[in-house]
N, C-alpha and C. Protein backbone atom coordinates (compact mmCIF):
# COMPACT_ATOMS: atom_id res chain seq x y z
N MET A 1 34.67 -58.33 91.27
CA MET A 1 33.77 -57.95 90.21
C MET A 1 34.39 -56.92 89.28
N ALA A 2 35.20 -56.03 89.84
CA ALA A 2 35.83 -55.03 88.99
C ALA A 2 36.80 -55.68 88.02
N GLY A 3 37.41 -56.79 88.45
CA GLY A 3 38.35 -57.49 87.58
C GLY A 3 37.68 -58.06 86.35
N GLN A 4 36.44 -58.54 86.50
CA GLN A 4 35.73 -59.09 85.35
C GLN A 4 35.38 -57.99 84.37
N GLY A 5 34.98 -56.84 84.88
CA GLY A 5 34.65 -55.72 84.01
C GLY A 5 35.88 -55.24 83.25
N ASP A 6 37.02 -55.25 83.92
CA ASP A 6 38.25 -54.84 83.26
C ASP A 6 38.63 -55.82 82.16
N SER A 7 38.45 -57.10 82.39
CA SER A 7 38.84 -58.07 81.37
C SER A 7 37.92 -58.00 80.16
N SER A 8 36.63 -57.72 80.38
CA SER A 8 35.72 -57.64 79.23
C SER A 8 36.01 -56.38 78.41
N SER A 9 36.39 -55.30 79.10
CA SER A 9 36.73 -54.10 78.34
C SER A 9 38.03 -54.29 77.57
N SER A 10 38.98 -55.04 78.14
CA SER A 10 40.22 -55.30 77.41
C SER A 10 39.96 -56.25 76.26
N ASP A 11 39.00 -57.20 76.42
CA ASP A 11 38.62 -58.08 75.31
C ASP A 11 38.00 -57.27 74.18
N LYS A 12 37.16 -56.27 74.54
CA LYS A 12 36.56 -55.41 73.52
C LYS A 12 37.64 -54.65 72.76
N LYS A 13 38.60 -54.11 73.50
CA LYS A 13 39.66 -53.34 72.87
C LYS A 13 40.50 -54.22 71.95
N SER A 14 40.80 -55.43 72.38
CA SER A 14 41.60 -56.31 71.54
C SER A 14 40.83 -56.73 70.29
N LYS A 15 39.51 -56.90 70.41
CA LYS A 15 38.70 -57.24 69.23
C LYS A 15 38.65 -56.07 68.26
N GLU A 16 38.57 -54.84 68.78
CA GLU A 16 38.57 -53.66 67.93
C GLU A 16 39.90 -53.52 67.21
N VAL A 17 41.00 -53.78 67.90
CA VAL A 17 42.32 -53.72 67.28
C VAL A 17 42.44 -54.78 66.20
N MET A 18 41.93 -55.97 66.46
CA MET A 18 41.98 -57.05 65.47
C MET A 18 41.17 -56.70 64.24
N ASN A 19 40.06 -55.96 64.40
CA ASN A 19 39.26 -55.56 63.26
C ASN A 19 39.99 -54.52 62.42
N ASP A 20 40.81 -53.68 63.05
CA ASP A 20 41.54 -52.64 62.33
C ASP A 20 42.72 -53.20 61.56
N VAL A 21 43.31 -54.27 62.05
CA VAL A 21 44.48 -54.86 61.40
C VAL A 21 44.01 -55.75 60.26
N SER A 22 44.50 -55.51 59.06
CA SER A 22 44.10 -56.34 57.94
C SER A 22 44.90 -57.64 57.96
N THR A 23 44.20 -58.72 57.78
CA THR A 23 44.85 -60.03 57.77
C THR A 23 44.71 -60.64 56.39
N PHE A 24 45.68 -61.42 56.01
CA PHE A 24 45.69 -62.07 54.71
C PHE A 24 45.78 -63.56 54.91
N ARG A 25 45.07 -64.30 54.11
CA ARG A 25 45.25 -65.73 54.09
C ARG A 25 46.43 -66.00 53.17
N ALA A 26 47.32 -66.86 53.62
CA ALA A 26 48.54 -67.14 52.87
C ALA A 26 48.23 -67.73 51.50
N GLU A 27 47.20 -68.56 51.42
CA GLU A 27 46.84 -69.17 50.14
C GLU A 27 46.37 -68.12 49.14
N ASN A 28 45.56 -67.18 49.61
CA ASN A 28 45.06 -66.13 48.72
C ASN A 28 46.19 -65.21 48.26
N LEU A 29 47.06 -64.84 49.18
CA LEU A 29 48.19 -63.98 48.83
C LEU A 29 49.12 -64.69 47.85
N GLN A 30 49.35 -65.98 48.08
CA GLN A 30 50.20 -66.75 47.18
C GLN A 30 49.56 -66.87 45.80
N ASN A 31 48.26 -67.06 45.74
CA ASN A 31 47.57 -67.14 44.46
C ASN A 31 47.64 -65.80 43.73
N ASN A 32 47.46 -64.70 44.45
CA ASN A 32 47.55 -63.38 43.83
C ASN A 32 48.94 -63.13 43.26
N MET A 33 49.97 -63.53 44.00
CA MET A 33 51.33 -63.35 43.51
C MET A 33 51.60 -64.25 42.30
N LYS A 34 51.00 -65.43 42.28
CA LYS A 34 51.16 -66.32 41.14
C LYS A 34 50.53 -65.72 39.89
N VAL A 35 49.39 -65.07 40.05
CA VAL A 35 48.73 -64.41 38.92
C VAL A 35 49.59 -63.27 38.40
N VAL A 36 50.18 -62.49 39.30
CA VAL A 36 51.07 -61.39 38.88
C VAL A 36 52.27 -61.95 38.13
N TYR A 37 52.86 -63.03 38.65
CA TYR A 37 54.03 -63.63 38.02
C TYR A 37 53.70 -64.17 36.63
N TYR A 38 52.59 -64.89 36.51
CA TYR A 38 52.20 -65.43 35.21
C TYR A 38 51.86 -64.33 34.21
N SER A 39 51.21 -63.28 34.68
CA SER A 39 50.87 -62.16 33.80
C SER A 39 52.14 -61.50 33.28
N ARG A 40 53.09 -61.27 34.15
CA ARG A 40 54.34 -60.63 33.74
C ARG A 40 55.12 -61.54 32.78
N THR A 41 55.14 -62.85 33.06
CA THR A 41 55.85 -63.77 32.19
C THR A 41 55.22 -63.80 30.80
N PHE A 42 53.91 -63.91 30.75
CA PHE A 42 53.21 -63.94 29.47
C PHE A 42 53.43 -62.66 28.68
N LEU A 43 53.31 -61.52 29.35
CA LEU A 43 53.49 -60.26 28.64
C LEU A 43 54.94 -59.99 28.29
N SER A 44 55.89 -60.60 29.00
CA SER A 44 57.30 -60.51 28.60
C SER A 44 57.51 -61.24 27.29
N ILE A 45 56.87 -62.39 27.16
CA ILE A 45 56.96 -63.15 25.90
C ILE A 45 56.33 -62.36 24.77
N ILE A 46 55.15 -61.82 25.00
CA ILE A 46 54.47 -61.03 23.98
C ILE A 46 55.30 -59.80 23.62
N GLY A 47 55.85 -59.11 24.61
CA GLY A 47 56.69 -57.93 24.35
C GLY A 47 57.93 -58.29 23.56
N GLY A 48 58.54 -59.45 23.86
CA GLY A 48 59.70 -59.89 23.09
C GLY A 48 59.35 -60.21 21.65
N ALA A 49 58.19 -60.81 21.46
CA ALA A 49 57.73 -61.10 20.09
C ALA A 49 57.46 -59.82 19.32
N ILE A 50 56.84 -58.87 19.97
CA ILE A 50 56.57 -57.58 19.32
C ILE A 50 57.87 -56.86 18.98
N ALA A 51 58.82 -56.89 19.91
CA ALA A 51 60.12 -56.25 19.65
C ALA A 51 60.82 -56.94 18.48
N GLY A 52 60.72 -58.27 18.39
CA GLY A 52 61.33 -58.98 17.28
C GLY A 52 60.66 -58.66 15.96
N ILE A 53 59.35 -58.59 15.94
CA ILE A 53 58.62 -58.28 14.71
C ILE A 53 58.94 -56.87 14.24
N LEU A 54 59.02 -55.94 15.19
CA LEU A 54 59.32 -54.55 14.83
C LEU A 54 60.81 -54.32 14.58
N GLY A 55 61.64 -55.30 14.89
CA GLY A 55 63.07 -55.17 14.68
C GLY A 55 63.76 -54.30 15.71
N LEU A 56 63.18 -54.19 16.89
CA LEU A 56 63.77 -53.37 17.94
C LEU A 56 64.82 -54.20 18.68
N THR A 57 66.05 -53.79 18.60
CA THR A 57 67.14 -54.50 19.27
C THR A 57 67.87 -53.51 20.17
N GLY A 58 68.62 -54.05 21.08
CA GLY A 58 69.44 -53.23 21.97
C GLY A 58 68.61 -52.37 22.89
N PHE A 59 68.96 -51.11 22.96
CA PHE A 59 68.34 -50.18 23.90
C PHE A 59 66.85 -50.00 23.63
N MET A 60 66.47 -49.95 22.37
CA MET A 60 65.05 -49.77 22.03
C MET A 60 64.22 -50.97 22.47
N GLY A 61 64.79 -52.16 22.44
CA GLY A 61 64.10 -53.35 22.94
C GLY A 61 63.87 -53.27 24.44
N PHE A 62 64.87 -52.76 25.17
CA PHE A 62 64.71 -52.56 26.61
C PHE A 62 63.63 -51.53 26.90
N ILE A 63 63.60 -50.47 26.13
CA ILE A 63 62.59 -49.43 26.32
C ILE A 63 61.19 -50.02 26.13
N LEU A 64 61.03 -50.83 25.07
CA LEU A 64 59.74 -51.47 24.83
C LEU A 64 59.36 -52.39 25.99
N TYR A 65 60.33 -53.15 26.48
CA TYR A 65 60.07 -54.04 27.61
C TYR A 65 59.59 -53.26 28.83
N PHE A 66 60.25 -52.17 29.16
CA PHE A 66 59.85 -51.38 30.32
C PHE A 66 58.48 -50.74 30.12
N ILE A 67 58.16 -50.36 28.89
CA ILE A 67 56.83 -49.82 28.61
C ILE A 67 55.76 -50.89 28.80
N VAL A 68 56.04 -52.10 28.29
CA VAL A 68 55.09 -53.20 28.45
C VAL A 68 54.90 -53.55 29.92
N MET A 69 55.98 -53.56 30.70
CA MET A 69 55.86 -53.88 32.13
C MET A 69 55.14 -52.77 32.89
N ALA A 70 55.32 -51.52 32.49
CA ALA A 70 54.59 -50.42 33.13
C ALA A 70 53.09 -50.54 32.83
N ILE A 71 52.76 -50.88 31.60
CA ILE A 71 51.35 -51.07 31.24
C ILE A 71 50.77 -52.26 32.00
N THR A 72 51.58 -53.31 32.16
CA THR A 72 51.13 -54.48 32.93
C THR A 72 50.85 -54.10 34.38
N SER A 73 51.74 -53.32 34.98
CA SER A 73 51.52 -52.89 36.36
C SER A 73 50.25 -52.07 36.49
N ILE A 74 50.02 -51.16 35.57
CA ILE A 74 48.81 -50.34 35.60
C ILE A 74 47.58 -51.20 35.41
N GLY A 75 47.67 -52.19 34.51
CA GLY A 75 46.54 -53.10 34.29
C GLY A 75 46.23 -53.94 35.51
N LEU A 76 47.26 -54.42 36.19
CA LEU A 76 47.04 -55.22 37.41
C LEU A 76 46.47 -54.37 38.53
N ILE A 77 46.92 -53.13 38.62
CA ILE A 77 46.37 -52.22 39.64
C ILE A 77 44.90 -51.93 39.33
N ALA A 78 44.58 -51.72 38.05
CA ALA A 78 43.18 -51.49 37.67
C ALA A 78 42.34 -52.73 37.94
N LYS A 79 42.90 -53.92 37.70
CA LYS A 79 42.18 -55.17 37.97
C LYS A 79 41.89 -55.31 39.46
N ALA A 80 42.78 -54.80 40.30
CA ALA A 80 42.58 -54.82 41.75
C ALA A 80 41.70 -53.66 42.21
N LYS A 81 41.13 -52.93 41.27
CA LYS A 81 40.24 -51.79 41.53
C LYS A 81 40.92 -50.72 42.37
N PHE A 82 42.22 -50.52 42.11
CA PHE A 82 43.04 -49.50 42.76
C PHE A 82 43.04 -49.63 44.29
N SER A 83 42.74 -50.82 44.78
CA SER A 83 42.75 -51.12 46.21
C SER A 83 43.78 -52.21 46.46
N LEU A 84 45.05 -51.85 46.36
CA LEU A 84 46.13 -52.83 46.44
C LEU A 84 46.20 -53.51 47.79
N HIS A 85 45.90 -52.79 48.85
CA HIS A 85 46.05 -53.36 50.19
C HIS A 85 44.95 -54.37 50.52
N SER A 86 43.95 -54.49 49.65
CA SER A 86 42.94 -55.52 49.85
C SER A 86 43.42 -56.88 49.34
N TYR A 87 44.36 -56.87 48.40
CA TYR A 87 44.80 -58.11 47.76
C TYR A 87 46.27 -58.45 47.99
N PHE A 88 47.07 -57.44 48.35
CA PHE A 88 48.50 -57.64 48.54
C PHE A 88 48.91 -57.00 49.86
N ASP A 89 50.00 -57.51 50.44
CA ASP A 89 50.44 -56.96 51.72
C ASP A 89 51.22 -55.66 51.57
N CYS A 90 51.80 -55.41 50.41
CA CYS A 90 52.47 -54.13 50.17
C CYS A 90 52.38 -53.78 48.69
N TRP A 91 52.47 -52.51 48.38
CA TRP A 91 52.25 -52.04 47.02
C TRP A 91 53.34 -52.48 46.06
N ASN A 92 54.58 -52.63 46.53
CA ASN A 92 55.65 -52.97 45.60
C ASN A 92 55.60 -54.43 45.14
N ARG A 93 54.75 -55.25 45.74
CA ARG A 93 54.58 -56.62 45.25
C ARG A 93 53.98 -56.62 43.85
N ILE A 94 53.03 -55.75 43.61
CA ILE A 94 52.38 -55.73 42.31
C ILE A 94 53.15 -54.88 41.30
N ILE A 95 53.88 -53.90 41.78
CA ILE A 95 54.57 -53.00 40.85
C ILE A 95 55.96 -53.51 40.50
N LEU A 96 56.71 -54.02 41.47
CA LEU A 96 58.11 -54.35 41.22
C LEU A 96 58.43 -55.84 41.12
N ASP A 97 57.62 -56.71 41.73
CA ASP A 97 57.93 -58.14 41.70
C ASP A 97 57.87 -58.68 40.27
N GLY A 98 58.91 -59.33 39.88
CA GLY A 98 58.96 -59.92 38.55
C GLY A 98 59.28 -58.94 37.44
N PHE A 99 59.50 -57.70 37.79
CA PHE A 99 59.76 -56.68 36.77
C PHE A 99 61.05 -56.97 36.03
N LEU A 100 62.10 -57.29 36.75
CA LEU A 100 63.38 -57.58 36.11
C LEU A 100 63.55 -59.05 35.75
N GLY A 101 62.71 -59.92 36.32
CA GLY A 101 62.80 -61.34 36.03
C GLY A 101 62.45 -61.69 34.60
N GLY A 102 61.61 -60.91 33.98
CA GLY A 102 61.20 -61.16 32.61
C GLY A 102 62.24 -60.79 31.57
N LEU A 103 63.29 -60.11 31.98
CA LEU A 103 64.33 -59.74 31.02
C LEU A 103 65.09 -60.94 30.46
N MET A 104 65.10 -62.01 31.22
CA MET A 104 65.84 -63.20 30.76
C MET A 104 65.14 -63.82 29.58
């Protein structure tokens, strides 16, 4: 009888641990990353068009690109209601992923 009590208490502990660990569905995480990628791609195009219209070339064009990507990161974080761990597995996915990919 003591063995059954021990197993139920260990089941309770494992359920509590499972509740503390955040789990992500792969489809949702993949969709969130796709949204980040498309947002960065679209805003890279817009930033390039703005740089072209303003005549910013060379170093100033890079500065504008980095400003646009920083604003994009802040906008995506605000869209996630500043709760990144609810939608992404780590913070650098939303801040750094695709940041340099848009330079091409």
